[in-house]
Amino acid sequence: MRPESEASLVTESVAELIALGAAMAANNEEAFQRHNFRLHKLGIPREDRIQAVNIALQVKMAPHRNLVEMAEAYLTGGAEPEGGCCGGECDCAGEEAAGSCCGGDEGCGCGH
């Protein structure tokens, strides 16, 4: 617990910047507009709002970048798929476990 004499780093402005970034990451246009308006009224410079949005986009796009890198490795880099149809984390990779992950009827391509 913080001593009473120590000020919080999360001021109203910081909380609104966090909320702006969260709205952006969540694709929530209404929340983005609301928090951007509040930040404008608080006198927060546009550059700070842009920085909050850019941070949110970096976080949001990380899984996308990872997926693109994986696809590039498999499709253009010569990497071979490992494991089963579900990314190697299930039991469908072995013939003895045929269809155990999905029952073989969900069009997953495992052929079982």
N, C-alpha and C. Protein backbone atom coordinates (compact mmCIF):
# COMPACT_ATOMS: atom_id res chain seq x y z
N MET A 1 0.84 -1.18 0.00
CA MET A 1 0.00 0.00 0.00
C MET A 1 0.88 1.25 0.00
N ARG A 2 0.48 2.25 -0.73
CA ARG A 2 1.24 3.47 -0.88
C ARG A 2 1.01 4.40 0.31
N PRO A 3 2.09 4.99 0.83
CA PRO A 3 1.92 5.98 1.90
C PRO A 3 1.10 7.17 1.41
N GLU A 4 0.35 7.79 2.30
CA GLU A 4 -0.52 8.91 1.92
C GLU A 4 0.26 10.07 1.31
N SER A 5 1.51 10.24 1.71
CA SER A 5 2.30 11.37 1.21
C SER A 5 2.80 11.14 -0.22
N GLU A 6 2.74 9.92 -0.71
CA GLU A 6 3.24 9.61 -2.04
C GLU A 6 2.10 9.72 -3.06
N ALA A 7 2.31 10.54 -4.07
CA ALA A 7 1.28 10.75 -5.09
C ALA A 7 1.22 9.56 -6.04
N SER A 8 0.04 9.28 -6.53
CA SER A 8 -0.15 8.20 -7.49
C SER A 8 0.37 8.62 -8.85
N LEU A 9 0.97 7.69 -9.56
CA LEU A 9 1.41 7.96 -10.92
C LEU A 9 0.22 7.95 -11.88
N VAL A 10 -0.85 7.28 -11.49
CA VAL A 10 -2.01 7.17 -12.36
C VAL A 10 -2.97 8.33 -12.05
N THR A 11 -2.69 9.42 -12.71
CA THR A 11 -3.55 10.60 -12.59
C THR A 11 -4.76 10.42 -13.49
N GLU A 12 -5.68 11.36 -13.44
CA GLU A 12 -6.84 11.31 -14.34
C GLU A 12 -6.39 11.29 -15.80
N SER A 13 -5.39 12.09 -16.12
CA SER A 13 -4.89 12.15 -17.49
C SER A 13 -4.27 10.82 -17.93
N VAL A 14 -3.47 10.22 -17.05
CA VAL A 14 -2.84 8.94 -17.37
C VAL A 14 -3.90 7.86 -17.54
N ALA A 15 -4.90 7.86 -16.66
CA ALA A 15 -5.98 6.88 -16.78
C ALA A 15 -6.72 7.04 -18.10
N GLU A 16 -6.94 8.26 -18.52
CA GLU A 16 -7.62 8.50 -19.80
C GLU A 16 -6.75 8.07 -20.98
N LEU A 17 -5.43 8.27 -20.88
CA LEU A 17 -4.53 7.80 -21.95
C LEU A 17 -4.55 6.28 -22.03
N ILE A 18 -4.56 5.62 -20.88
CA ILE A 18 -4.65 4.16 -20.86
C ILE A 18 -5.97 3.72 -21.49
N ALA A 19 -7.05 4.38 -21.11
CA ALA A 19 -8.36 4.03 -21.66
C ALA A 19 -8.43 4.28 -23.16
N LEU A 20 -7.78 5.33 -23.64
CA LEU A 20 -7.74 5.61 -25.07
C LEU A 20 -7.05 4.47 -25.81
N GLY A 21 -5.91 4.04 -25.28
CA GLY A 21 -5.19 2.93 -25.89
C GLY A 21 -5.99 1.64 -25.84
N ALA A 22 -6.65 1.39 -24.73
CA ALA A 22 -7.47 0.18 -24.60
C ALA A 22 -8.63 0.21 -25.59
N ALA A 23 -9.23 1.37 -25.76
CA ALA A 23 -10.33 1.50 -26.73
C ALA A 23 -9.83 1.20 -28.14
N MET A 24 -8.66 1.68 -28.45
CA MET A 24 -8.08 1.44 -29.77
C MET A 24 -7.81 -0.04 -29.96
N ALA A 25 -7.21 -0.67 -28.97
CA ALA A 25 -6.88 -2.09 -29.07
C ALA A 25 -8.13 -2.96 -29.15
N ALA A 26 -9.22 -2.48 -28.56
CA ALA A 26 -10.48 -3.23 -28.54
C ALA A 26 -11.38 -2.91 -29.74
N ASN A 27 -10.92 -2.07 -30.64
CA ASN A 27 -11.73 -1.65 -31.79
C ASN A 27 -13.04 -1.01 -31.36
N ASN A 28 -13.00 -0.27 -30.26
CA ASN A 28 -14.21 0.33 -29.71
C ASN A 28 -14.23 1.82 -30.07
N GLU A 29 -14.88 2.12 -31.18
CA GLU A 29 -14.90 3.49 -31.70
C GLU A 29 -15.56 4.47 -30.73
N GLU A 30 -16.66 4.05 -30.13
CA GLU A 30 -17.37 4.94 -29.19
C GLU A 30 -16.49 5.29 -27.99
N ALA A 31 -15.83 4.28 -27.42
CA ALA A 31 -14.95 4.53 -26.27
C ALA A 31 -13.76 5.39 -26.68
N PHE A 32 -13.22 5.14 -27.88
CA PHE A 32 -12.11 5.95 -28.36
C PHE A 32 -12.52 7.42 -28.43
N GLN A 33 -13.68 7.69 -29.02
CA GLN A 33 -14.14 9.07 -29.14
C GLN A 33 -14.36 9.71 -27.77
N ARG A 34 -14.94 8.96 -26.85
CA ARG A 34 -15.21 9.48 -25.51
C ARG A 34 -13.91 9.84 -24.79
N HIS A 35 -12.93 8.93 -24.81
CA HIS A 35 -11.68 9.19 -24.09
C HIS A 35 -10.83 10.24 -24.80
N ASN A 36 -10.87 10.28 -26.11
CA ASN A 36 -10.15 11.32 -26.84
C ASN A 36 -10.73 12.69 -26.50
N PHE A 37 -12.05 12.78 -26.42
CA PHE A 37 -12.70 14.04 -26.05
C PHE A 37 -12.30 14.46 -24.64
N ARG A 38 -12.32 13.51 -23.71
CA ARG A 38 -11.94 13.82 -22.32
C ARG A 38 -10.49 14.31 -22.26
N LEU A 39 -9.61 13.65 -22.99
CA LEU A 39 -8.20 14.05 -23.01
C LEU A 39 -8.04 15.45 -23.60
N HIS A 40 -8.79 15.73 -24.64
CA HIS A 40 -8.77 17.07 -25.23
C HIS A 40 -9.20 18.11 -24.20
N LYS A 41 -10.28 17.82 -23.47
CA LYS A 41 -10.78 18.74 -22.45
C LYS A 41 -9.78 18.91 -21.30
N LEU A 42 -9.00 17.86 -21.02
CA LEU A 42 -7.98 17.94 -19.97
C LEU A 42 -6.73 18.68 -20.44
N GLY A 43 -6.68 19.02 -21.72
CA GLY A 43 -5.54 19.75 -22.27
C GLY A 43 -4.35 18.87 -22.63
N ILE A 44 -4.59 17.58 -22.80
CA ILE A 44 -3.50 16.66 -23.15
C ILE A 44 -3.16 16.85 -24.63
N PRO A 45 -1.90 17.11 -24.93
CA PRO A 45 -1.51 17.37 -26.32
C PRO A 45 -1.80 16.18 -27.24
N ARG A 46 -2.09 16.51 -28.47
CA ARG A 46 -2.37 15.50 -29.50
C ARG A 46 -1.22 14.49 -29.61
N GLU A 47 0.01 14.96 -29.47
CA GLU A 47 1.17 14.06 -29.58
C GLU A 47 1.14 12.97 -28.51
N ASP A 48 0.70 13.30 -27.31
CA ASP A 48 0.59 12.29 -26.25
C ASP A 48 -0.51 11.29 -26.56
N ARG A 49 -1.60 11.76 -27.13
CA ARG A 49 -2.69 10.86 -27.52
C ARG A 49 -2.24 9.94 -28.65
N ILE A 50 -1.48 10.48 -29.58
CA ILE A 50 -0.94 9.67 -30.68
C ILE A 50 -0.01 8.60 -30.12
N GLN A 51 0.83 8.97 -29.16
CA GLN A 51 1.74 8.00 -28.56
C GLN A 51 0.97 6.87 -27.88
N ALA A 52 -0.10 7.20 -27.17
CA ALA A 52 -0.92 6.17 -26.52
C ALA A 52 -1.52 5.22 -27.55
N VAL A 53 -2.01 5.77 -28.65
CA VAL A 53 -2.59 4.95 -29.72
C VAL A 53 -1.51 4.07 -30.35
N ASN A 54 -0.34 4.61 -30.59
CA ASN A 54 0.73 3.82 -31.20
C ASN A 54 1.18 2.67 -30.30
N ILE A 55 1.24 2.91 -29.00
CA ILE A 55 1.59 1.83 -28.07
C ILE A 55 0.52 0.74 -28.12
N ALA A 56 -0.74 1.15 -28.11
CA ALA A 56 -1.84 0.17 -28.17
C ALA A 56 -1.77 -0.64 -29.46
N LEU A 57 -1.47 0.01 -30.56
CA LEU A 57 -1.39 -0.71 -31.84
C LEU A 57 -0.22 -1.69 -31.86
N GLN A 58 0.89 -1.32 -31.24
CA GLN A 58 2.03 -2.24 -31.17
C GLN A 58 1.65 -3.50 -30.39
N VAL A 59 0.96 -3.32 -29.29
CA VAL A 59 0.53 -4.46 -28.48
C VAL A 59 -0.48 -5.30 -29.26
N LYS A 60 -1.44 -4.63 -29.87
CA LYS A 60 -2.49 -5.33 -30.60
C LYS A 60 -1.94 -6.10 -31.80
N MET A 61 -0.96 -5.55 -32.47
CA MET A 61 -0.46 -6.16 -33.70
C MET A 61 0.58 -7.26 -33.46
N ALA A 62 1.05 -7.43 -32.23
CA ALA A 62 2.07 -8.45 -31.96
C ALA A 62 1.63 -9.85 -32.40
N PRO A 63 0.42 -10.31 -32.05
CA PRO A 63 0.00 -11.64 -32.52
C PRO A 63 -0.07 -11.71 -34.04
N HIS A 64 -0.50 -10.63 -34.67
CA HIS A 64 -0.57 -10.59 -36.14
C HIS A 64 0.82 -10.75 -36.74
N ARG A 65 1.79 -10.00 -36.20
CA ARG A 65 3.17 -10.10 -36.70
C ARG A 65 3.70 -11.52 -36.52
N ASN A 66 3.42 -12.12 -35.37
CA ASN A 66 3.89 -13.49 -35.12
C ASN A 66 3.28 -14.47 -36.12
N LEU A 67 2.00 -14.31 -36.41
CA LEU A 67 1.33 -15.20 -37.36
C LEU A 67 1.90 -15.01 -38.76
N VAL A 68 2.14 -13.77 -39.16
CA VAL A 68 2.72 -13.50 -40.48
C VAL A 68 4.11 -14.11 -40.58
N GLU A 69 4.91 -13.98 -39.53
CA GLU A 69 6.25 -14.57 -39.54
C GLU A 69 6.19 -16.09 -39.64
N MET A 70 5.24 -16.71 -38.93
CA MET A 70 5.09 -18.16 -39.01
C MET A 70 4.68 -18.58 -40.42
N ALA A 71 3.71 -17.87 -41.00
CA ALA A 71 3.26 -18.19 -42.35
C ALA A 71 4.40 -18.04 -43.35
N GLU A 72 5.18 -16.98 -43.21
CA GLU A 72 6.32 -16.79 -44.11
C GLU A 72 7.32 -17.93 -43.96
N ALA A 73 7.57 -18.36 -42.73
CA ALA A 73 8.52 -19.46 -42.51
C ALA A 73 8.04 -20.74 -43.18
N TYR A 74 6.76 -21.04 -43.05
CA TYR A 74 6.22 -22.25 -43.66
C TYR A 74 6.12 -22.15 -45.17
N LEU A 75 5.66 -21.01 -45.66
CA LEU A 75 5.32 -20.92 -47.08
C LEU A 75 6.45 -20.44 -47.97
N THR A 76 7.38 -19.67 -47.43
CA THR A 76 8.47 -19.18 -48.27
C THR A 76 9.84 -19.53 -47.74
N GLY A 77 9.92 -19.90 -46.47
CA GLY A 77 11.22 -20.16 -45.86
C GLY A 77 11.62 -21.61 -45.80
N GLY A 78 10.76 -22.50 -46.26
CA GLY A 78 11.10 -23.91 -46.29
C GLY A 78 10.83 -24.67 -45.01
N ALA A 79 10.28 -24.03 -43.99
CA ALA A 79 9.95 -24.75 -42.76
C ALA A 79 8.83 -25.74 -43.04
N GLU A 80 8.89 -26.88 -42.37
CA GLU A 80 7.86 -27.90 -42.53
C GLU A 80 6.96 -27.91 -41.30
N PRO A 81 5.66 -28.14 -41.50
CA PRO A 81 4.74 -28.21 -40.36
C PRO A 81 5.14 -29.33 -39.41
N GLU A 82 4.91 -29.10 -38.14
CA GLU A 82 5.21 -30.10 -37.12
C GLU A 82 3.92 -30.50 -36.42
N GLY A 83 3.89 -31.70 -35.91
CA GLY A 83 2.75 -32.14 -35.12
C GLY A 83 1.52 -32.38 -35.95
N GLY A 84 0.39 -32.23 -35.31
CA GLY A 84 -0.88 -32.53 -35.96
C GLY A 84 -1.51 -31.32 -36.62
N CYS A 85 -2.76 -31.51 -36.98
CA CYS A 85 -3.49 -30.48 -37.71
C CYS A 85 -3.77 -29.25 -36.85
N CYS A 86 -3.66 -29.39 -35.56
CA CYS A 86 -4.00 -28.30 -34.65
C CYS A 86 -2.76 -27.55 -34.17
N GLY A 87 -1.67 -27.65 -34.90
CA GLY A 87 -0.47 -26.91 -34.54
C GLY A 87 0.52 -27.68 -33.70
N GLY A 88 0.33 -28.98 -33.61
CA GLY A 88 1.30 -29.81 -32.91
C GLY A 88 1.06 -29.97 -31.44
N GLU A 89 0.01 -29.38 -30.90
CA GLU A 89 -0.24 -29.46 -29.46
C GLU A 89 -1.27 -30.52 -29.10
N CYS A 90 -1.77 -31.24 -30.08
CA CYS A 90 -2.80 -32.23 -29.78
C CYS A 90 -2.29 -33.63 -30.13
N ASP A 91 -3.15 -34.61 -29.92
CA ASP A 91 -2.77 -36.00 -30.15
C ASP A 91 -3.09 -36.48 -31.56
N CYS A 92 -3.52 -35.62 -32.45
CA CYS A 92 -3.93 -36.09 -33.77
C CYS A 92 -2.75 -36.32 -34.70
N ALA A 93 -1.52 -36.08 -34.23
CA ALA A 93 -0.35 -36.23 -35.09
C ALA A 93 -0.05 -37.69 -35.40
N GLY A 94 -0.32 -38.57 -34.47
CA GLY A 94 -0.01 -39.98 -34.68
C GLY A 94 -1.17 -40.75 -35.27
N GLU A 95 -0.84 -41.76 -36.05
CA GLU A 95 -1.87 -42.58 -36.67
C GLU A 95 -2.76 -43.24 -35.62
N GLU A 96 -2.17 -43.63 -34.47
CA GLU A 96 -2.95 -44.29 -33.44
C GLU A 96 -3.94 -43.36 -32.76
N ALA A 97 -3.74 -42.06 -32.94
CA ALA A 97 -4.63 -41.08 -32.31
C ALA A 97 -5.53 -40.41 -33.35
N ALA A 98 -5.73 -41.07 -34.45
CA ALA A 98 -6.47 -40.48 -35.56
C ALA A 98 -7.79 -39.85 -35.12
N GLY A 99 -7.90 -38.56 -35.36
CA GLY A 99 -9.14 -37.84 -35.10
C GLY A 99 -9.42 -37.55 -33.65
N SER A 100 -8.48 -37.79 -32.75
CA SER A 100 -8.76 -37.61 -31.33
C SER A 100 -8.94 -36.15 -30.94
N CYS A 101 -8.41 -35.23 -31.73
CA CYS A 101 -8.53 -33.82 -31.35
C CYS A 101 -9.85 -33.23 -31.79
N CYS A 102 -10.37 -33.69 -32.90
CA CYS A 102 -11.56 -33.05 -33.44
C CYS A 102 -12.62 -34.04 -33.88
N GLY A 103 -12.33 -35.30 -33.73
CA GLY A 103 -13.28 -36.31 -34.18
C GLY A 103 -13.20 -36.53 -35.68
N GLY A 104 -12.32 -35.80 -36.34
CA GLY A 104 -12.13 -35.99 -37.76
C GLY A 104 -13.26 -35.47 -38.62
N ASP A 105 -14.20 -34.75 -38.04
CA ASP A 105 -15.34 -34.30 -38.84
C ASP A 105 -15.50 -32.79 -38.88
N GLU A 106 -14.47 -32.06 -38.51
CA GLU A 106 -14.60 -30.61 -38.48
C GLU A 106 -13.85 -29.93 -39.62
N GLY A 107 -13.50 -30.69 -40.64
CA GLY A 107 -12.84 -30.11 -41.80
C GLY A 107 -11.48 -29.53 -41.49
N CYS A 108 -10.80 -30.10 -40.50
CA CYS A 108 -9.52 -29.53 -40.10
C CYS A 108 -8.39 -29.95 -41.02
N GLY A 109 -8.62 -30.93 -41.87
CA GLY A 109 -7.59 -31.34 -42.80
C GLY A 109 -6.71 -32.46 -42.31
N CYS A 110 -7.00 -33.01 -41.13
CA CYS A 110 -6.14 -34.07 -40.63
C CYS A 110 -6.41 -35.40 -41.34
N GLY A 111 -7.50 -35.48 -42.06
CA GLY A 111 -7.79 -36.67 -42.84
C GLY A 111 -8.27 -37.85 -42.02
N HIS A 112 -8.62 -37.62 -40.79
CA HIS A 112 -9.06 -38.73 -39.93
C HIS A 112 -10.52 -38.59 -39.61
